[in-house]
Amino acid sequence: MNNLPKPTKTELAILNIMWNISPATVRQIHEEIIKNGKTSYTTTLKMLQVMHQKGLVSRDSEHKAHIYQPTLSKKETQKQMLDDLKNRLFGGSISSLVLQALGNNEATKQSEIDEIKALLNKVEKK
């Protein structure tokens, strides 16, 4: 797929913001981050610089304020992290992962159950 490192918990929190508002400046991203807690602008800037070095975000330096955006989409990142989890924790077995996820959730909404059934039907037809 790709050789990008998996984002840390903090990097993932920043990516979740960026998937909603990118491309964005450091200031725009920082304004969203501080809605959920206290952090300095310089911390946000440093995190984005580190994420840029890792290849998790791209940076457009053409303007006075640098513009950042995620390298991968949310779906691509979810797939990468899920594949890693499946391989490292479930021995590569998707059924073990799914059974564990479903078995640990007592309060699955009917709409989610219907969505899972529809997805299973779609997979069976392939």
N, C-alpha and C. Protein backbone atom coordinates (compact mmCIF):
# COMPACT_ATOMS: atom_id res chain seq x y z
N MET A 1 0.84 -1.20 0.00
CA MET A 1 0.00 0.00 0.00
C MET A 1 0.87 1.25 0.00
N ASN A 2 1.42 1.59 1.16
CA ASN A 2 2.37 2.69 1.24
C ASN A 2 3.28 2.44 2.42
N ASN A 3 4.34 3.20 2.49
CA ASN A 3 5.31 3.00 3.56
C ASN A 3 5.27 4.10 4.61
N LEU A 4 4.17 4.81 4.70
CA LEU A 4 4.06 5.86 5.70
C LEU A 4 3.95 5.26 7.10
N PRO A 5 4.54 5.92 8.09
CA PRO A 5 4.40 5.43 9.46
C PRO A 5 2.96 5.62 9.95
N LYS A 6 2.56 4.77 10.88
CA LYS A 6 1.23 4.92 11.45
C LYS A 6 1.23 6.14 12.36
N PRO A 7 0.20 6.96 12.29
CA PRO A 7 0.16 8.16 13.14
C PRO A 7 0.00 7.80 14.61
N THR A 8 0.63 8.62 15.47
CA THR A 8 0.45 8.48 16.91
C THR A 8 -0.96 8.96 17.28
N LYS A 9 -1.34 8.79 18.52
CA LYS A 9 -2.65 9.23 18.99
C LYS A 9 -2.85 10.73 18.75
N THR A 10 -1.83 11.52 19.07
CA THR A 10 -1.91 12.97 18.89
C THR A 10 -1.97 13.32 17.41
N GLU A 11 -1.14 12.66 16.60
CA GLU A 11 -1.16 12.92 15.17
C GLU A 11 -2.50 12.55 14.55
N LEU A 12 -3.08 11.47 15.03
CA LEU A 12 -4.39 11.05 14.54
C LEU A 12 -5.46 12.07 14.89
N ALA A 13 -5.38 12.66 16.08
CA ALA A 13 -6.33 13.70 16.48
C ALA A 13 -6.21 14.90 15.53
N ILE A 14 -4.99 15.26 15.16
CA ILE A 14 -4.78 16.37 14.23
C ILE A 14 -5.29 16.00 12.84
N LEU A 15 -5.01 14.78 12.41
CA LEU A 15 -5.51 14.34 11.10
C LEU A 15 -7.03 14.37 11.05
N ASN A 16 -7.68 13.96 12.13
CA ASN A 16 -9.15 13.99 12.16
C ASN A 16 -9.68 15.40 11.96
N ILE A 17 -9.00 16.36 12.51
CA ILE A 17 -9.38 17.77 12.29
C ILE A 17 -9.12 18.14 10.83
N MET A 18 -7.95 17.76 10.34
CA MET A 18 -7.57 18.14 8.98
C MET A 18 -8.46 17.51 7.92
N TRP A 19 -8.95 16.30 8.16
CA TRP A 19 -9.84 15.67 7.17
C TRP A 19 -11.13 16.47 7.00
N ASN A 20 -11.46 17.29 8.00
CA ASN A 20 -12.66 18.12 7.92
C ASN A 20 -12.40 19.51 7.36
N ILE A 21 -11.20 20.05 7.56
CA ILE A 21 -10.98 21.45 7.19
C ILE A 21 -9.82 21.69 6.23
N SER A 22 -9.13 20.67 5.79
CA SER A 22 -7.96 20.92 4.96
C SER A 22 -8.34 21.16 3.51
N PRO A 23 -7.47 21.83 2.77
CA PRO A 23 -6.19 22.37 3.22
C PRO A 23 -6.40 23.52 4.21
N ALA A 24 -5.45 23.65 5.14
CA ALA A 24 -5.61 24.66 6.19
C ALA A 24 -4.26 25.16 6.67
N THR A 25 -4.28 26.36 7.24
CA THR A 25 -3.08 26.93 7.83
C THR A 25 -2.90 26.37 9.23
N VAL A 26 -1.73 26.59 9.80
CA VAL A 26 -1.47 26.17 11.17
C VAL A 26 -2.48 26.83 12.11
N ARG A 27 -2.74 28.12 11.89
CA ARG A 27 -3.69 28.85 12.74
C ARG A 27 -5.08 28.21 12.71
N GLN A 28 -5.56 27.87 11.52
CA GLN A 28 -6.89 27.25 11.39
C GLN A 28 -6.93 25.91 12.12
N ILE A 29 -5.87 25.13 11.96
CA ILE A 29 -5.81 23.83 12.62
C ILE A 29 -5.74 24.02 14.13
N HIS A 30 -4.92 24.96 14.57
CA HIS A 30 -4.77 25.23 16.01
C HIS A 30 -6.09 25.68 16.63
N GLU A 31 -6.84 26.50 15.92
CA GLU A 31 -8.14 26.97 16.44
C GLU A 31 -9.09 25.80 16.70
N GLU A 32 -9.01 24.78 15.87
CA GLU A 32 -9.84 23.59 16.08
C GLU A 32 -9.32 22.75 17.24
N ILE A 33 -8.00 22.63 17.34
CA ILE A 33 -7.40 21.83 18.41
C ILE A 33 -7.75 22.39 19.78
N ILE A 34 -7.69 23.70 19.94
CA ILE A 34 -7.92 24.29 21.26
C ILE A 34 -9.37 24.22 21.71
N LYS A 35 -10.26 23.85 20.82
CA LYS A 35 -11.66 23.63 21.22
C LYS A 35 -11.77 22.41 22.14
N ASN A 36 -10.81 21.48 22.03
CA ASN A 36 -10.84 20.24 22.81
C ASN A 36 -9.82 20.21 23.94
N GLY A 37 -9.09 21.27 24.13
CA GLY A 37 -8.08 21.27 25.19
C GLY A 37 -7.09 22.39 25.01
N LYS A 38 -6.23 22.50 25.97
CA LYS A 38 -5.27 23.59 25.98
C LYS A 38 -3.94 23.13 25.38
N THR A 39 -3.48 23.84 24.38
CA THR A 39 -2.17 23.60 23.79
C THR A 39 -1.70 24.90 23.15
N SER A 40 -0.43 25.05 23.02
CA SER A 40 0.09 26.30 22.46
C SER A 40 0.16 26.22 20.93
N TYR A 41 0.19 27.38 20.32
CA TYR A 41 0.32 27.47 18.87
C TYR A 41 1.64 26.83 18.43
N THR A 42 2.70 27.07 19.18
CA THR A 42 4.01 26.51 18.81
C THR A 42 4.01 24.98 18.86
N THR A 43 3.22 24.41 19.79
CA THR A 43 3.10 22.95 19.86
C THR A 43 2.41 22.43 18.60
N THR A 44 1.33 23.10 18.20
CA THR A 44 0.62 22.71 16.98
C THR A 44 1.55 22.81 15.78
N LEU A 45 2.29 23.90 15.68
CA LEU A 45 3.23 24.09 14.58
C LEU A 45 4.28 22.98 14.57
N LYS A 46 4.85 22.68 15.71
CA LYS A 46 5.87 21.63 15.81
C LYS A 46 5.31 20.27 15.40
N MET A 47 4.09 19.97 15.86
CA MET A 47 3.46 18.69 15.50
C MET A 47 3.29 18.59 13.97
N LEU A 48 2.84 19.68 13.36
CA LEU A 48 2.66 19.66 11.91
C LEU A 48 4.00 19.53 11.18
N GLN A 49 5.04 20.14 11.71
CA GLN A 49 6.36 20.00 11.11
C GLN A 49 6.85 18.56 11.20
N VAL A 50 6.65 17.93 12.34
CA VAL A 50 7.03 16.53 12.52
C VAL A 50 6.22 15.64 11.58
N MET A 51 4.92 15.90 11.51
CA MET A 51 4.06 15.11 10.63
C MET A 51 4.47 15.28 9.17
N HIS A 52 4.92 16.48 8.80
CA HIS A 52 5.40 16.73 7.45
C HIS A 52 6.67 15.94 7.19
N GLN A 53 7.58 15.91 8.15
CA GLN A 53 8.82 15.14 8.02
C GLN A 53 8.53 13.64 7.86
N LYS A 54 7.51 13.15 8.56
CA LYS A 54 7.13 11.73 8.48
C LYS A 54 6.39 11.41 7.18
N GLY A 55 5.90 12.44 6.49
CA GLY A 55 5.13 12.22 5.27
C GLY A 55 3.64 12.09 5.50
N LEU A 56 3.18 12.36 6.72
CA LEU A 56 1.75 12.23 7.02
C LEU A 56 0.93 13.40 6.47
N VAL A 57 1.58 14.56 6.31
CA VAL A 57 0.91 15.73 5.73
C VAL A 57 1.83 16.35 4.68
N SER A 58 1.21 17.03 3.74
CA SER A 58 1.99 17.79 2.77
C SER A 58 1.89 19.26 3.13
N ARG A 59 2.85 20.04 2.66
CA ARG A 59 2.88 21.46 3.00
C ARG A 59 3.12 22.28 1.74
N ASP A 60 2.27 23.28 1.55
CA ASP A 60 2.42 24.22 0.44
C ASP A 60 3.06 25.49 1.02
N SER A 61 4.29 25.76 0.61
CA SER A 61 5.03 26.91 1.14
C SER A 61 4.98 28.12 0.22
N GLU A 62 4.10 28.09 -0.75
CA GLU A 62 4.01 29.18 -1.73
C GLU A 62 3.48 30.48 -1.12
N HIS A 63 2.67 30.38 -0.09
CA HIS A 63 2.03 31.55 0.50
C HIS A 63 2.77 31.96 1.76
N LYS A 64 2.40 33.12 2.28
CA LYS A 64 3.02 33.61 3.52
C LYS A 64 2.81 32.60 4.65
N ALA A 65 1.58 32.14 4.78
CA ALA A 65 1.27 31.10 5.78
C ALA A 65 1.30 29.74 5.08
N HIS A 66 2.02 28.80 5.64
CA HIS A 66 2.09 27.47 5.04
C HIS A 66 0.72 26.81 5.12
N ILE A 67 0.37 26.10 4.08
CA ILE A 67 -0.91 25.39 3.99
C ILE A 67 -0.61 23.89 4.08
N TYR A 68 -1.29 23.22 5.01
CA TYR A 68 -1.09 21.79 5.23
C TYR A 68 -2.32 21.00 4.82
N GLN A 69 -2.08 19.77 4.39
CA GLN A 69 -3.18 18.84 4.15
C GLN A 69 -2.68 17.41 4.33
N PRO A 70 -3.57 16.50 4.72
CA PRO A 70 -3.16 15.11 4.93
C PRO A 70 -2.67 14.48 3.63
N THR A 71 -1.69 13.62 3.74
CA THR A 71 -1.18 12.90 2.58
C THR A 71 -2.17 11.82 2.15
N LEU A 72 -2.75 11.13 3.14
CA LEU A 72 -3.72 10.07 2.87
C LEU A 72 -5.11 10.51 3.30
N SER A 73 -6.12 9.98 2.65
CA SER A 73 -7.50 10.24 3.06
C SER A 73 -7.79 9.50 4.37
N LYS A 74 -8.89 9.84 4.98
CA LYS A 74 -9.30 9.17 6.21
C LYS A 74 -9.48 7.67 5.94
N LYS A 75 -10.12 7.35 4.84
CA LYS A 75 -10.37 5.94 4.50
C LYS A 75 -9.06 5.17 4.28
N GLU A 76 -8.10 5.80 3.60
CA GLU A 76 -6.81 5.14 3.37
C GLU A 76 -6.07 4.91 4.69
N THR A 77 -6.14 5.88 5.59
CA THR A 77 -5.49 5.76 6.89
C THR A 77 -6.16 4.67 7.72
N GLN A 78 -7.49 4.64 7.70
CA GLN A 78 -8.22 3.59 8.42
C GLN A 78 -7.83 2.22 7.91
N LYS A 79 -7.74 2.07 6.59
CA LYS A 79 -7.37 0.78 6.01
C LYS A 79 -5.96 0.38 6.43
N GLN A 80 -5.03 1.32 6.39
CA GLN A 80 -3.64 1.04 6.76
C GLN A 80 -3.58 0.59 8.23
N MET A 81 -4.27 1.31 9.11
CA MET A 81 -4.20 0.98 10.53
C MET A 81 -4.94 -0.32 10.84
N LEU A 82 -6.05 -0.56 10.15
CA LEU A 82 -6.80 -1.80 10.35
C LEU A 82 -6.01 -3.01 9.86
N ASP A 83 -5.36 -2.87 8.71
CA ASP A 83 -4.51 -3.96 8.21
C ASP A 83 -3.40 -4.27 9.20
N ASP A 84 -2.79 -3.23 9.77
CA ASP A 84 -1.72 -3.43 10.75
C ASP A 84 -2.26 -4.14 11.98
N LEU A 85 -3.41 -3.70 12.48
CA LEU A 85 -4.03 -4.33 13.65
C LEU A 85 -4.38 -5.79 13.37
N LYS A 86 -4.98 -6.03 12.22
CA LYS A 86 -5.35 -7.39 11.81
C LYS A 86 -4.12 -8.30 11.79
N ASN A 87 -3.04 -7.82 11.22
CA ASN A 87 -1.84 -8.64 11.09
C ASN A 87 -1.10 -8.83 12.41
N ARG A 88 -0.98 -7.77 13.20
CA ARG A 88 -0.20 -7.86 14.43
C ARG A 88 -0.96 -8.53 15.57
N LEU A 89 -2.26 -8.29 15.67
CA LEU A 89 -3.01 -8.77 16.82
C LEU A 89 -3.90 -9.98 16.53
N PHE A 90 -4.30 -10.15 15.28
CA PHE A 90 -5.23 -11.24 14.95
C PHE A 90 -4.64 -12.23 13.95
N GLY A 91 -3.32 -12.24 13.82
CA GLY A 91 -2.66 -13.21 12.95
C GLY A 91 -3.11 -13.15 11.51
N GLY A 92 -3.55 -11.99 11.06
CA GLY A 92 -3.99 -11.82 9.69
C GLY A 92 -5.43 -12.22 9.44
N SER A 93 -6.15 -12.64 10.48
CA SER A 93 -7.52 -13.12 10.32
C SER A 93 -8.54 -11.99 10.47
N ILE A 94 -9.17 -11.64 9.36
CA ILE A 94 -10.20 -10.60 9.39
C ILE A 94 -11.43 -11.07 10.17
N SER A 95 -11.73 -12.38 10.08
CA SER A 95 -12.91 -12.88 10.80
C SER A 95 -12.70 -12.79 12.31
N SER A 96 -11.50 -13.07 12.79
CA SER A 96 -11.22 -12.94 14.22
C SER A 96 -11.37 -11.49 14.67
N LEU A 97 -10.86 -10.57 13.86
CA LEU A 97 -10.98 -9.15 14.18
C LEU A 97 -12.44 -8.73 14.24
N VAL A 98 -13.21 -9.10 13.23
CA VAL A 98 -14.63 -8.72 13.17
C VAL A 98 -15.41 -9.34 14.31
N LEU A 99 -15.19 -10.63 14.58
CA LEU A 99 -15.91 -11.29 15.67
C LEU A 99 -15.58 -10.65 17.02
N GLN A 100 -14.33 -10.29 17.22
CA GLN A 100 -13.94 -9.62 18.46
C GLN A 100 -14.63 -8.25 18.56
N ALA A 101 -14.63 -7.50 17.47
CA ALA A 101 -15.25 -6.17 17.46
C ALA A 101 -16.76 -6.27 17.72
N LEU A 102 -17.42 -7.20 17.08
CA LEU A 102 -18.87 -7.35 17.25
C LEU A 102 -19.21 -7.93 18.62
N GLY A 103 -18.39 -8.85 19.10
CA GLY A 103 -18.66 -9.50 20.38
C GLY A 103 -18.49 -8.58 21.57
N ASN A 104 -17.70 -7.54 21.42
CA ASN A 104 -17.46 -6.61 22.53
C ASN A 104 -18.42 -5.44 22.56
N ASN A 105 -19.36 -5.39 21.63
CA ASN A 105 -20.26 -4.25 21.55
C ASN A 105 -21.69 -4.71 21.78
N GLU A 106 -22.15 -4.58 23.02
CA GLU A 106 -23.51 -5.02 23.36
C GLU A 106 -24.58 -4.12 22.77
N ALA A 107 -24.27 -2.85 22.61
CA ALA A 107 -25.29 -1.87 22.23
C ALA A 107 -25.20 -1.46 20.77
N THR A 108 -24.98 -2.42 19.87
CA THR A 108 -24.92 -2.09 18.46
C THR A 108 -26.31 -1.65 18.00
N LYS A 109 -26.38 -0.51 17.35
CA LYS A 109 -27.65 0.03 16.86
C LYS A 109 -28.16 -0.84 15.71
N GLN A 110 -29.48 -0.90 15.59
CA GLN A 110 -30.09 -1.69 14.51
C GLN A 110 -29.61 -1.20 13.15
N SER A 111 -29.44 0.11 13.01
CA SER A 111 -28.98 0.64 11.72
C SER A 111 -27.57 0.14 11.38
N GLU A 112 -26.73 -0.01 12.42
CA GLU A 112 -25.39 -0.54 12.20
C GLU A 112 -25.46 -2.02 11.83
N ILE A 113 -26.33 -2.77 12.48
CA ILE A 113 -26.51 -4.19 12.18
C ILE A 113 -26.98 -4.35 10.74
N ASP A 114 -27.93 -3.53 10.32
CA ASP A 114 -28.41 -3.57 8.94
C ASP A 114 -27.30 -3.24 7.94
N GLU A 115 -26.46 -2.27 8.30
CA GLU A 115 -25.35 -1.89 7.45
C GLU A 115 -24.33 -3.03 7.33
N ILE A 116 -24.08 -3.70 8.44
CA ILE A 116 -23.15 -4.85 8.43
C ILE A 116 -23.72 -5.97 7.58
N LYS A 117 -25.01 -6.26 7.72
CA LYS A 117 -25.65 -7.31 6.92
C LYS A 117 -25.56 -6.98 5.43
N ALA A 118 -25.82 -5.73 5.08
CA ALA A 118 -25.76 -5.33 3.68
C ALA A 118 -24.34 -5.48 3.14
N LEU A 119 -23.36 -5.13 3.94
CA LEU A 119 -21.97 -5.28 3.52
C LEU A 119 -21.61 -6.75 3.33
N LEU A 120 -22.05 -7.62 4.26
CA LEU A 120 -21.80 -9.04 4.12
C LEU A 120 -22.44 -9.61 2.87
N ASN A 121 -23.67 -9.18 2.58
CA ASN A 121 -24.35 -9.63 1.36
C ASN A 121 -23.56 -9.20 0.13
N LYS A 122 -23.04 -7.97 0.14
CA LYS A 122 -22.26 -7.46 -0.98
C LYS A 122 -20.97 -8.27 -1.17
N VAL A 123 -20.31 -8.60 -0.04
CA VAL A 123 -19.07 -9.40 -0.10
C VAL A 123 -19.35 -10.80 -0.62
N GLU A 124 -20.47 -11.39 -0.19
CA GLU A 124 -20.82 -12.74 -0.65
C GLU A 124 -21.09 -12.78 -2.15
N LYS A 125 -21.66 -11.71 -2.70
CA LYS A 125 -22.00 -11.68 -4.12
C LYS A 125 -20.77 -11.53 -4.99
N LYS A 126 -19.66 -11.06 -4.43
CA LYS A 126 -18.42 -10.92 -5.22
C LYS A 126 -17.88 -12.26 -5.45
